[in-house]
Amino acid sequence: MNLTRYASLILLPLTLSACMIPTGPVEVTRFNRVAEGIVYGTGSFAVTATNGDSLALSPYLAAVQREMERVGYSKALDGSDVIAEVSVQRVQFNGNDRNPVSVGVGGSTGSYGSGVGVGVGLNLNALGDQRGIETTLNVRIVRTTDNLVIWEGRAVQRGALNSPAAQPGIASSKLAESLFKDFPGTSGETVTVP
Protein backbone atom coordinates (compact mmCIF):
# COMPACT_ATOMS: atom_id res chain seq x y z
CA MET A 1 0.00 0.00 0.00
CA ASN A 2 1.20 3.48 -0.88
CA LEU A 3 2.53 5.37 2.20
CA THR A 4 0.60 8.54 1.29
CA ARG A 5 -2.63 6.61 0.94
CA TYR A 6 -1.99 4.78 4.20
CA ALA A 7 -1.37 8.07 6.04
CA SER A 8 -4.57 9.51 4.52
CA LEU A 9 -6.59 6.58 5.79
CA ILE A 10 -5.18 7.00 9.30
CA LEU A 11 -5.76 10.77 9.37
CA LEU A 12 -9.28 10.66 7.91
CA PRO A 13 -11.02 9.68 11.19
CA LEU A 14 -9.07 12.36 13.05
CA THR A 15 -10.12 14.98 10.53
CA LEU A 16 -13.76 13.92 10.69
CA SER A 17 -13.76 13.86 14.48
CA ALA A 18 -12.44 17.42 14.56
CA CYS A 19 -15.69 18.50 12.90
CA MET A 20 -17.68 16.94 15.70
CA ILE A 21 -15.71 18.04 18.76
CA PRO A 22 -18.19 18.76 21.56
CA THR A 23 -17.74 22.29 22.85
CA GLY A 24 -20.73 22.76 25.11
CA PRO A 25 -23.85 24.90 24.83
CA VAL A 26 -24.03 28.35 23.27
CA GLU A 27 -26.46 31.05 24.39
CA VAL A 28 -27.82 32.96 21.38
CA THR A 29 -29.87 36.17 21.17
CA ARG A 30 -30.93 37.70 17.85
CA PHE A 31 -32.91 40.69 16.61
CA ASN A 32 -34.33 41.04 13.12
CA ARG A 33 -36.74 43.11 11.05
CA VAL A 34 -38.90 40.32 9.65
CA ALA A 35 -42.03 42.10 10.92
CA GLU A 36 -41.05 45.10 8.77
CA GLY A 37 -40.86 42.98 5.62
CA ILE A 38 -37.07 42.67 5.37
CA VAL A 39 -36.12 39.63 3.30
CA TYR A 40 -33.06 37.68 4.44
CA GLY A 41 -30.65 35.40 2.63
CA THR A 42 -30.53 37.21 -0.71
CA GLY A 43 -27.96 39.49 -2.29
CA SER A 44 -24.24 39.87 -1.89
CA PHE A 45 -22.27 40.36 1.29
CA ALA A 46 -18.89 41.28 2.70
CA VAL A 47 -17.54 40.50 6.17
CA THR A 48 -15.52 42.95 8.24
CA ALA A 49 -13.98 43.01 11.72
CA THR A 50 -15.11 45.88 13.91
CA ASN A 51 -12.73 45.28 16.80
CA GLY A 52 -9.27 43.87 17.17
CA ASP A 53 -6.79 42.55 14.68
CA SER A 54 -8.50 40.96 11.68
CA LEU A 55 -5.70 38.36 11.54
CA ALA A 56 -6.48 37.25 15.10
CA LEU A 57 -10.18 37.30 14.25
CA SER A 58 -9.73 35.40 10.99
CA PRO A 59 -11.26 32.12 12.28
CA TYR A 60 -14.39 34.04 13.34
CA LEU A 61 -14.57 36.03 10.08
CA ALA A 62 -14.23 32.81 8.06
CA ALA A 63 -16.91 31.08 10.16
CA VAL A 64 -19.36 33.99 9.69
CA GLN A 65 -18.62 34.02 5.95
CA ARG A 66 -19.43 30.28 5.71
CA GLU A 67 -22.71 30.82 7.56
CA MET A 68 -23.69 33.83 5.45
CA GLU A 69 -23.21 31.71 2.33
CA ARG A 70 -25.07 28.79 3.89
CA VAL A 71 -28.15 30.94 4.60
CA GLY A 72 -28.28 32.22 1.01
CA TYR A 73 -26.06 35.27 0.64
CA SER A 74 -23.36 35.31 -2.04
CA LYS A 75 -19.86 36.67 -1.53
CA ALA A 76 -19.49 40.10 -3.14
CA LEU A 77 -16.97 40.58 -5.92
CA ASP A 78 -17.47 44.37 -6.11
CA GLY A 79 -19.62 46.31 -3.66
CA SER A 80 -22.09 44.42 -1.50
CA ASP A 81 -25.75 44.61 -0.59
CA VAL A 82 -25.02 43.95 3.09
CA ILE A 83 -21.99 43.97 5.36
CA ALA A 84 -21.63 41.53 8.22
CA GLU A 85 -19.81 43.41 10.98
CA VAL A 86 -18.07 40.98 13.34
CA SER A 87 -16.68 41.60 16.80
CA VAL A 88 -15.36 39.09 19.32
CA GLN A 89 -14.68 39.37 23.03
CA ARG A 90 -12.74 36.69 24.89
CA VAL A 91 -12.61 36.97 28.67
CA GLN A 92 -10.51 34.68 30.83
CA PHE A 93 -11.76 33.97 34.33
CA ASN A 94 -10.87 31.87 37.33
CA GLY A 95 -13.59 29.43 38.44
CA ASN A 96 -13.42 30.86 41.97
CA ASP A 97 -14.14 34.35 40.63
CA ARG A 98 -17.54 33.44 39.24
CA ASN A 99 -20.69 32.51 41.05
CA PRO A 100 -22.73 29.61 39.63
CA VAL A 101 -25.60 32.06 39.05
CA SER A 102 -25.12 35.56 37.74
CA VAL A 103 -27.54 38.40 37.11
CA GLY A 104 -26.67 40.96 34.48
CA VAL A 105 -28.25 44.22 33.46
CA GLY A 106 -27.37 45.54 30.04
CA GLY A 107 -28.34 48.44 27.89
CA SER A 108 -27.56 49.61 24.42
CA THR A 109 -28.45 52.51 22.19
CA GLY A 110 -28.13 53.14 18.52
CA SER A 111 -28.79 49.61 17.36
CA TYR A 112 -31.90 47.72 16.39
CA GLY A 113 -31.99 45.74 19.63
CA SER A 114 -31.63 48.89 21.69
CA GLY A 115 -33.08 49.04 25.13
CA VAL A 116 -32.36 47.71 28.57
CA GLY A 117 -32.59 44.10 29.55
CA VAL A 118 -32.08 41.99 32.64
CA GLY A 119 -30.72 38.51 32.28
CA VAL A 120 -30.17 35.64 34.64
CA GLY A 121 -27.51 33.19 33.58
CA LEU A 122 -26.05 30.00 34.91
CA ASN A 123 -22.31 29.67 35.04
CA LEU A 124 -21.84 26.57 32.96
CA ASN A 125 -18.32 26.28 34.36
CA ALA A 126 -18.95 25.76 38.04
CA LEU A 127 -15.59 23.99 37.99
CA GLY A 128 -14.11 24.94 41.31
CA ASP A 129 -10.83 26.74 40.81
CA GLN A 130 -10.45 25.83 37.14
CA ARG A 131 -9.79 28.72 34.80
CA GLY A 132 -12.04 29.31 31.84
CA ILE A 133 -12.76 31.38 28.75
CA GLU A 134 -15.99 33.15 27.85
CA THR A 135 -16.18 33.98 24.16
CA THR A 136 -18.80 36.31 22.72
CA LEU A 137 -19.36 36.58 18.98
CA ASN A 138 -21.39 39.62 17.89
CA VAL A 139 -22.57 40.03 14.30
CA ARG A 140 -24.54 42.90 12.80
CA ILE A 141 -25.80 42.76 9.22
CA VAL A 142 -25.99 46.28 7.81
CA ARG A 143 -27.76 47.16 4.55
CA THR A 144 -25.30 49.23 2.55
CA THR A 145 -27.84 51.42 0.73
CA ASP A 146 -28.90 53.20 3.91
CA ASN A 147 -26.65 51.82 6.69
CA LEU A 148 -29.69 50.24 8.35
CA VAL A 149 -28.94 47.40 10.78
CA ILE A 150 -31.30 44.69 9.51
CA TRP A 151 -30.13 41.87 11.79
CA GLU A 152 -27.93 41.48 14.82
CA GLY A 153 -27.05 38.61 17.05
CA ARG A 154 -24.86 37.56 19.93
CA ALA A 155 -23.56 34.08 20.73
CA VAL A 156 -21.85 33.37 24.06
CA GLN A 157 -19.99 30.23 25.05
CA ARG A 158 -18.14 29.40 28.23
CA GLY A 159 -15.60 26.64 28.66
CA ALA A 160 -12.62 25.49 30.66
CA LEU A 161 -9.30 27.01 29.60
CA ASN A 162 -8.08 23.68 28.22
CA SER A 163 -11.38 22.73 26.51
CA PRO A 164 -12.21 22.85 22.79
CA ALA A 165 -14.45 25.87 23.54
CA ALA A 166 -11.30 27.84 24.40
CA GLN A 167 -9.66 27.16 21.02
CA PRO A 168 -10.52 29.93 18.51
CA GLY A 169 -10.49 27.62 15.49
CA ILE A 170 -13.05 25.30 17.09
CA ALA A 171 -15.07 27.88 19.05
CA SER A 172 -15.50 30.17 16.03
CA SER A 173 -17.31 27.49 14.04
CA LYS A 174 -19.58 26.49 16.92
CA LEU A 175 -20.45 30.10 17.76
CA ALA A 176 -21.21 31.06 14.14
CA GLU A 177 -23.22 27.89 13.47
CA SER A 178 -25.26 28.48 16.63
CA LEU A 179 -25.80 32.16 15.83
CA PHE A 180 -27.07 31.45 12.31
CA LYS A 181 -29.09 28.35 13.19
CA ASP A 182 -32.69 28.80 11.93
CA PHE A 183 -31.67 32.19 10.52
CA PRO A 184 -32.95 34.87 10.97
CA GLY A 185 -34.40 33.45 14.20
CA THR A 186 -37.12 34.82 16.44
CA SER A 187 -36.45 38.47 17.19
CA GLY A 188 -35.60 39.18 20.83
CA GLU A 189 -35.59 35.53 21.88
CA THR A 190 -32.65 34.00 23.73
CA VAL A 191 -32.08 30.31 23.06
CA THR A 192 -29.50 27.76 24.11
CA VAL A 193 -27.98 25.70 21.32
CA PRO A 194 -26.47 22.44 22.60
C-alpha atoms as a PDB file:
ATOM      1  CA  MET A   1       0.000   0.000   0.000  1.00  0.00           C
ATOM      2  CA  ASN A   2       1.199   3.478  -0.883  1.00  0.00           C
ATOM      3  CA  LEU A   3       2.527   5.368   2.198  1.00  0.00           C
ATOM      4  CA  THR A   4       0.602   8.542   1.289  1.00  0.00           C
ATOM      5  CA  ARG A   5      -2.634   6.612   0.936  1.00  0.00           C
ATOM      6  CA  TYR A   6      -1.994   4.781   4.203  1.00  0.00           C
ATOM      7  CA  ALA A   7      -1.371   8.075   6.039  1.00  0.00           C
ATOM      8  CA  SER A   8      -4.568   9.509   4.520  1.00  0.00           C
ATOM      9  CA  LEU A   9      -6.594   6.581   5.795  1.00  0.00           C
ATOM     10  CA  ILE A  10      -5.179   6.999   9.297  1.00  0.00           C
ATOM     11  CA  LEU A  11      -5.756  10.775   9.365  1.00  0.00           C
ATOM     12  CA  LEU A  12      -9.278  10.663   7.908  1.00  0.00           C
ATOM     13  CA  PRO A  13     -11.023   9.680  11.188  1.00  0.00           C
ATOM     14  CA  LEU A  14      -9.069  12.359  13.049  1.00  0.00           C
ATOM     15  CA  THR A  15     -10.120  14.975  10.525  1.00  0.00           C
ATOM     16  CA  LEU A  16     -13.757  13.918  10.693  1.00  0.00           C
ATOM     17  CA  SER A  17     -13.757  13.856  14.479  1.00  0.00           C
ATOM     18  CA  ALA A  18     -12.439  17.425  14.562  1.00  0.00           C
ATOM     19  CA  CYS A  19     -15.688  18.502  12.901  1.00  0.00           C
ATOM     20  CA  MET A  20     -17.680  16.941  15.702  1.00  0.00           C
ATOM     21  CA  ILE A  21     -15.710  18.040  18.764  1.00  0.00           C
ATOM     22  CA  PRO A  22     -18.191  18.759  21.558  1.00  0.00           C
ATOM     23  CA  THR A  23     -17.743  22.292  22.847  1.00  0.00           C
ATOM     24  CA  GLY A  24     -20.726  22.757  25.114  1.00  0.00           C
ATOM     25  CA  PRO A  25     -23.854  24.902  24.827  1.00  0.00           C
ATOM     26  CA  VAL A  26     -24.035  28.345  23.267  1.00  0.00           C
ATOM     27  CA  GLU A  27     -26.461  31.055  24.385  1.00  0.00           C
ATOM     28  CA  VAL A  28     -27.823  32.956  21.377  1.00  0.00           C
ATOM     29  CA  THR A  29     -29.871  36.172  21.175  1.00  0.00           C
ATOM     30  CA  ARG A  30     -30.930  37.700  17.855  1.00  0.00           C
ATOM     31  CA  PHE A  31     -32.913  40.691  16.613  1.00  0.00           C
ATOM     32  CA  ASN A  32     -34.333  41.044  13.122  1.00  0.00           C
ATOM     33  CA  ARG A  33     -36.735  43.114  11.047  1.00  0.00           C
ATOM     34  CA  VAL A  34     -38.901  40.320   9.649  1.00  0.00           C
ATOM     35  CA  ALA A  35     -42.032  42.105  10.919  1.00  0.00           C
ATOM     36  CA  GLU A  36     -41.049  45.098   8.770  1.00  0.00           C
ATOM     37  CA  GLY A  37     -40.863  42.977   5.625  1.00  0.00           C
ATOM     38  CA  ILE A  38     -37.074  42.670   5.370  1.00  0.00           C
ATOM     39  CA  VAL A  39     -36.123  39.629   3.297  1.00  0.00           C
ATOM     40  CA  TYR A  40     -33.059  37.684   4.440  1.00  0.00           C
ATOM     41  CA  GLY A  41     -30.649  35.396   2.628  1.00  0.00           C
ATOM     42  CA  THR A  42     -30.526  37.209  -0.709  1.00  0.00           C
ATOM     43  CA  GLY A  43     -27.961  39.491  -2.285  1.00  0.00           C
ATOM     44  CA  SER A  44     -24.240  39.874  -1.892  1.00  0.00           C
ATOM     45  CA  PHE A  45     -22.268  40.363   1.289  1.00  0.00           C
ATOM     46  CA  ALA A  46     -18.886  41.281   2.702  1.00  0.00           C
ATOM     47  CA  VAL A  47     -17.540  40.500   6.172  1.00  0.00           C
ATOM     48  CA  THR A  48     -15.519  42.946   8.239  1.00  0.00           C
ATOM     49  CA  ALA A  49     -13.976  43.006  11.719  1.00  0.00           C
ATOM     50  CA  THR A  50     -15.109  45.882  13.910  1.00  0.00           C
ATOM     51  CA  ASN A  51     -12.734  45.281  16.797  1.00  0.00           C
ATOM     52  CA  GLY A  52      -9.273  43.874  17.171  1.00  0.00           C
ATOM     53  CA  ASP A  53      -6.793  42.551  14.679  1.00  0.00           C
ATOM     54  CA  SER A  54      -8.499  40.960  11.681  1.00  0.00           C
ATOM     55  CA  LEU A  55      -5.700  38.357  11.543  1.00  0.00           C
ATOM     56  CA  ALA A  56      -6.476  37.252  15.105  1.00  0.00           C
ATOM     57  CA  LEU A  57     -10.185  37.298  14.252  1.00  0.00           C
ATOM     58  CA  SER A  58      -9.729  35.404  10.989  1.00  0.00           C
ATOM     59  CA  PRO A  59     -11.261  32.119  12.278  1.00  0.00           C
ATOM     60  CA  TYR A  60     -14.390  34.042  13.338  1.00  0.00           C
ATOM     61  CA  LEU A  61     -14.567  36.029  10.081  1.00  0.00           C
ATOM     62  CA  ALA A  62     -14.230  32.805   8.061  1.00  0.00           C
ATOM     63  CA  ALA A  63     -16.914  31.082  10.159  1.00  0.00           C
ATOM     64  CA  VAL A  64     -19.358  33.986   9.686  1.00  0.00           C
ATOM     65  CA  GLN A  65     -18.621  34.017   5.955  1.00  0.00           C
ATOM     66  CA  ARG A  66     -19.432  30.284   5.715  1.00  0.00           C
ATOM     67  CA  GLU A  67     -22.706  30.815   7.561  1.00  0.00           C
ATOM     68  CA  MET A  68     -23.690  33.828   5.449  1.00  0.00           C
ATOM     69  CA  GLU A  69     -23.212  31.711   2.326  1.00  0.00           C
ATOM     70  CA  ARG A  70     -25.075  28.789   3.891  1.00  0.00           C
ATOM     71  CA  VAL A  71     -28.154  30.945   4.599  1.00  0.00           C
ATOM     72  CA  GLY A  72     -28.279  32.217   1.009  1.00  0.00           C
ATOM     73  CA  TYR A  73     -26.060  35.274   0.635  1.00  0.00           C
ATOM     74  CA  SER A  74     -23.359  35.312  -2.039  1.00  0.00           C
ATOM     75  CA  LYS A  75     -19.863  36.670  -1.535  1.00  0.00           C
ATOM     76  CA  ALA A  76     -19.492  40.098  -3.140  1.00  0.00           C
ATOM     77  CA  LEU A  77     -16.973  40.579  -5.922  1.00  0.00           C
ATOM     78  CA  ASP A  78     -17.475  44.369  -6.111  1.00  0.00           C
ATOM     79  CA  GLY A  79     -19.621  46.313  -3.659  1.00  0.00           C
ATOM     80  CA  SER A  80     -22.093  44.418  -1.500  1.00  0.00           C
ATOM     81  CA  ASP A  81     -25.753  44.606  -0.590  1.00  0.00           C
ATOM     82  CA  VAL A  82     -25.023  43.950   3.094  1.00  0.00           C
ATOM     83  CA  ILE A  83     -21.989  43.972   5.357  1.00  0.00           C
ATOM     84  CA  ALA A  84     -21.629  41.529   8.221  1.00  0.00           C
ATOM     85  CA  GLU A  85     -19.806  43.407  10.981  1.00  0.00           C
ATOM     86  CA  VAL A  86     -18.068  40.978  13.336  1.00  0.00           C
ATOM     87  CA  SER A  87     -16.682  41.597  16.805  1.00  0.00           C
ATOM     88  CA  VAL A  88     -15.362  39.089  19.319  1.00  0.00           C
ATOM     89  CA  GLN A  89     -14.679  39.367  23.026  1.00  0.00           C
ATOM     90  CA  ARG A  90     -12.744  36.688  24.887  1.00  0.00           C
ATOM     91  CA  VAL A  91     -12.611  36.969  28.675  1.00  0.00           C
ATOM     92  CA  GLN A  92     -10.515  34.677  30.827  1.00  0.00           C
ATOM     93  CA  PHE A  93     -11.760  33.974  34.335  1.00  0.00           C
ATOM     94  CA  ASN A  94     -10.871  31.871  37.328  1.00  0.00           C
ATOM     95  CA  GLY A  95     -13.595  29.430  38.437  1.00  0.00           C
ATOM     96  CA  ASN A  96     -13.420  30.863  41.969  1.00  0.00           C
ATOM     97  CA  ASP A  97     -14.135  34.353  40.632  1.00  0.00           C
ATOM     98  CA  ARG A  98     -17.545  33.440  39.237  1.00  0.00           C
ATOM     99  CA  ASN A  99     -20.687  32.508  41.047  1.00  0.00           C
ATOM    100  CA  PRO A 100     -22.730  29.608  39.629  1.00  0.00           C
ATOM    101  CA  VAL A 101     -25.596  32.058  39.048  1.00  0.00           C
ATOM    102  CA  SER A 102     -25.117  35.564  37.744  1.00  0.00           C
ATOM    103  CA  VAL A 103     -27.536  38.401  37.115  1.00  0.00           C
ATOM    104  CA  GLY A 104     -26.669  40.955  34.482  1.00  0.00           C
ATOM    105  CA  VAL A 105     -28.247  44.218  33.456  1.00  0.00           C
ATOM    106  CA  GLY A 106     -27.370  45.537  30.039  1.00  0.00           C
ATOM    107  CA  GLY A 107     -28.337  48.437  27.891  1.00  0.00           C
ATOM    108  CA  SER A 108     -27.559  49.614  24.419  1.00  0.00           C
ATOM    109  CA  THR A 109     -28.448  52.506  22.192  1.00  0.00           C
ATOM    110  CA  GLY A 110     -28.134  53.143  18.518  1.00  0.00           C
ATOM    111  CA  SER A 111     -28.789  49.608  17.359  1.00  0.00           C
ATOM    112  CA  TYR A 112     -31.903  47.722  16.388  1.00  0.00           C
ATOM    113  CA  GLY A 113     -31.990  45.739  19.630  1.00  0.00           C
ATOM    114  CA  SER A 114     -31.629  48.893  21.686  1.00  0.00           C
ATOM    115  CA  GLY A 115     -33.077  49.045  25.132  1.00  0.00           C
ATOM    116  CA  VAL A 116     -32.356  47.712  28.573  1.00  0.00           C
ATOM    117  CA  GLY A 117     -32.585  44.097  29.549  1.00  0.00           C
ATOM    118  CA  VAL A 118     -32.079  41.990  32.637  1.00  0.00           C
ATOM    119  CA  GLY A 119     -30.719  38.512  32.277  1.00  0.00           C
ATOM    120  CA  VAL A 120     -30.166  35.641  34.638  1.00  0.00           C
ATOM    121  CA  GLY A 121     -27.506  33.189  33.585  1.00  0.00           C
ATOM    122  CA  LEU A 122     -26.052  30.000  34.908  1.00  0.00           C
ATOM    123  CA  ASN A 123     -22.309  29.673  35.044  1.00  0.00           C
ATOM    124  CA  LEU A 124     -21.842  26.567  32.958  1.00  0.00           C
ATOM    125  CA  ASN A 125     -18.325  26.281  34.365  1.00  0.00           C
ATOM    126  CA  ALA A 126     -18.949  25.755  38.042  1.00  0.00           C
ATOM    127  CA  LEU A 127     -15.590  23.993  37.986  1.00  0.00           C
ATOM    128  CA  GLY A 128     -14.109  24.938  41.315  1.00  0.00           C
ATOM    129  CA  ASP A 129     -10.826  26.744  40.808  1.00  0.00           C
ATOM    130  CA  GLN A 130     -10.452  25.833  37.136  1.00  0.00           C
ATOM    131  CA  ARG A 131      -9.786  28.725  34.800  1.00  0.00           C
ATOM    132  CA  GLY A 132     -12.044  29.309  31.837  1.00  0.00           C
ATOM    133  CA  ILE A 133     -12.763  31.381  28.751  1.00  0.00           C
ATOM    134  CA  GLU A 134     -15.992  33.150  27.853  1.00  0.00           C
ATOM    135  CA  THR A 135     -16.178  33.982  24.164  1.00  0.00           C
ATOM    136  CA  THR A 136     -18.803  36.314  22.722  1.00  0.00           C
ATOM    137  CA  LEU A 137     -19.363  36.579  18.977  1.00  0.00           C
ATOM    138  CA  ASN A 138     -21.386  39.623  17.887  1.00  0.00           C
ATOM    139  CA  VAL A 139     -22.574  40.029  14.300  1.00  0.00           C
ATOM    140  CA  ARG A 140     -24.543  42.902  12.797  1.00  0.00           C
ATOM    141  CA  ILE A 141     -25.805  42.762   9.223  1.00  0.00           C
ATOM    142  CA  VAL A 142     -25.993  46.279   7.815  1.00  0.00           C
ATOM    143  CA  ARG A 143     -27.758  47.159   4.555  1.00  0.00           C
ATOM    144  CA  THR A 144     -25.299  49.234   2.547  1.00  0.00           C
ATOM    145  CA  THR A 145     -27.843  51.416   0.727  1.00  0.00           C
ATOM    146  CA  ASP A 146     -28.896  53.204   3.915  1.00  0.00           C
ATOM    147  CA  ASN A 147     -26.646  51.823   6.693  1.00  0.00           C
ATOM    148  CA  LEU A 148     -29.686  50.242   8.353  1.00  0.00           C
ATOM    149  CA  VAL A 149     -28.943  47.402  10.782  1.00  0.00           C
ATOM    150  CA  ILE A 150     -31.299  44.693   9.511  1.00  0.00           C
ATOM    151  CA  TRP A 151     -30.127  41.869  11.795  1.00  0.00           C
ATOM    152  CA  GLU A 152     -27.928  41.477  14.820  1.00  0.00           C
ATOM    153  CA  GLY A 153     -27.052  38.610  17.047  1.00  0.00           C
ATOM    154  CA  ARG A 154     -24.862  37.555  19.928  1.00  0.00           C
ATOM    155  CA  ALA A 155     -23.562  34.079  20.727  1.00  0.00           C
ATOM    156  CA  VAL A 156     -21.849  33.372  24.057  1.00  0.00           C
ATOM    157  CA  GLN A 157     -19.993  30.229  25.048  1.00  0.00           C
ATOM    158  CA  ARG A 158     -18.136  29.396  28.234  1.00  0.00           C
ATOM    159  CA  GLY A 159     -15.601  26.640  28.656  1.00  0.00           C
ATOM    160  CA  ALA A 160     -12.620  25.486  30.655  1.00  0.00           C
ATOM    161  CA  LEU A 161      -9.300  27.009  29.601  1.00  0.00           C
ATOM    162  CA  ASN A 162      -8.082  23.681  28.220  1.00  0.00           C
ATOM    163  CA  SER A 163     -11.375  22.728  26.511  1.00  0.00           C
ATOM    164  CA  PRO A 164     -12.210  22.855  22.787  1.00  0.00           C
ATOM    165  CA  ALA A 165     -14.445  25.869  23.537  1.00  0.00           C
ATOM    166  CA  ALA A 166     -11.299  27.844  24.398  1.00  0.00           C
ATOM    167  CA  GLN A 167      -9.656  27.159  21.022  1.00  0.00           C
ATOM    168  CA  PRO A 168     -10.519  29.933  18.510  1.00  0.00           C
ATOM    169  CA  GLY A 169     -10.487  27.616  15.486  1.00  0.00           C
ATOM    170  CA  ILE A 170     -13.052  25.301  17.090  1.00  0.00           C
ATOM    171  CA  ALA A 171     -15.065  27.877  19.053  1.00  0.00           C
ATOM    172  CA  SER A 172     -15.497  30.166  16.029  1.00  0.00           C
ATOM    173  CA  SER A 173     -17.309  27.490  14.036  1.00  0.00           C
ATOM    174  CA  LYS A 174     -19.579  26.490  16.922  1.00  0.00           C
ATOM    175  CA  LEU A 175     -20.451  30.103  17.761  1.00  0.00           C
ATOM    176  CA  ALA A 176     -21.209  31.061  14.137  1.00  0.00           C
ATOM    177  CA  GLU A 177     -23.223  27.885  13.468  1.00  0.00           C
ATOM    178  CA  SER A 178     -25.260  28.481  16.631  1.00  0.00           C
ATOM    179  CA  LEU A 179     -25.797  32.157  15.827  1.00  0.00           C
ATOM    180  CA  PHE A 180     -27.070  31.454  12.305  1.00  0.00           C
ATOM    181  CA  LYS A 181     -29.089  28.346  13.186  1.00  0.00           C
ATOM    182  CA  ASP A 182     -32.689  28.795  11.934  1.00  0.00           C
ATOM    183  CA  PHE A 183     -31.673  32.187  10.516  1.00  0.00           C
ATOM    184  CA  PRO A 184     -32.946  34.874  10.968  1.00  0.00           C
ATOM    185  CA  GLY A 185     -34.401  33.448  14.202  1.00  0.00           C
ATOM    186  CA  THR A 186     -37.117  34.816  16.437  1.00  0.00           C
ATOM    187  CA  SER A 187     -36.446  38.470  17.188  1.00  0.00           C
ATOM    188  CA  GLY A 188     -35.604  39.177  20.825  1.00  0.00           C
ATOM    189  CA  GLU A 189     -35.591  35.535  21.884  1.00  0.00           C
ATOM    190  CA  THR A 190     -32.653  33.998  23.728  1.00  0.00           C
ATOM    191  CA  VAL A 191     -32.084  30.307  23.059  1.00  0.00           C
ATOM    192  CA  THR A 192     -29.503  27.755  24.111  1.00  0.00           C
ATOM    193  CA  VAL A 193     -27.980  25.701  21.320  1.00  0.00           C
ATOM    194  CA  PRO A 194     -26.469  22.438  22.604  1.00  0.00           C
END
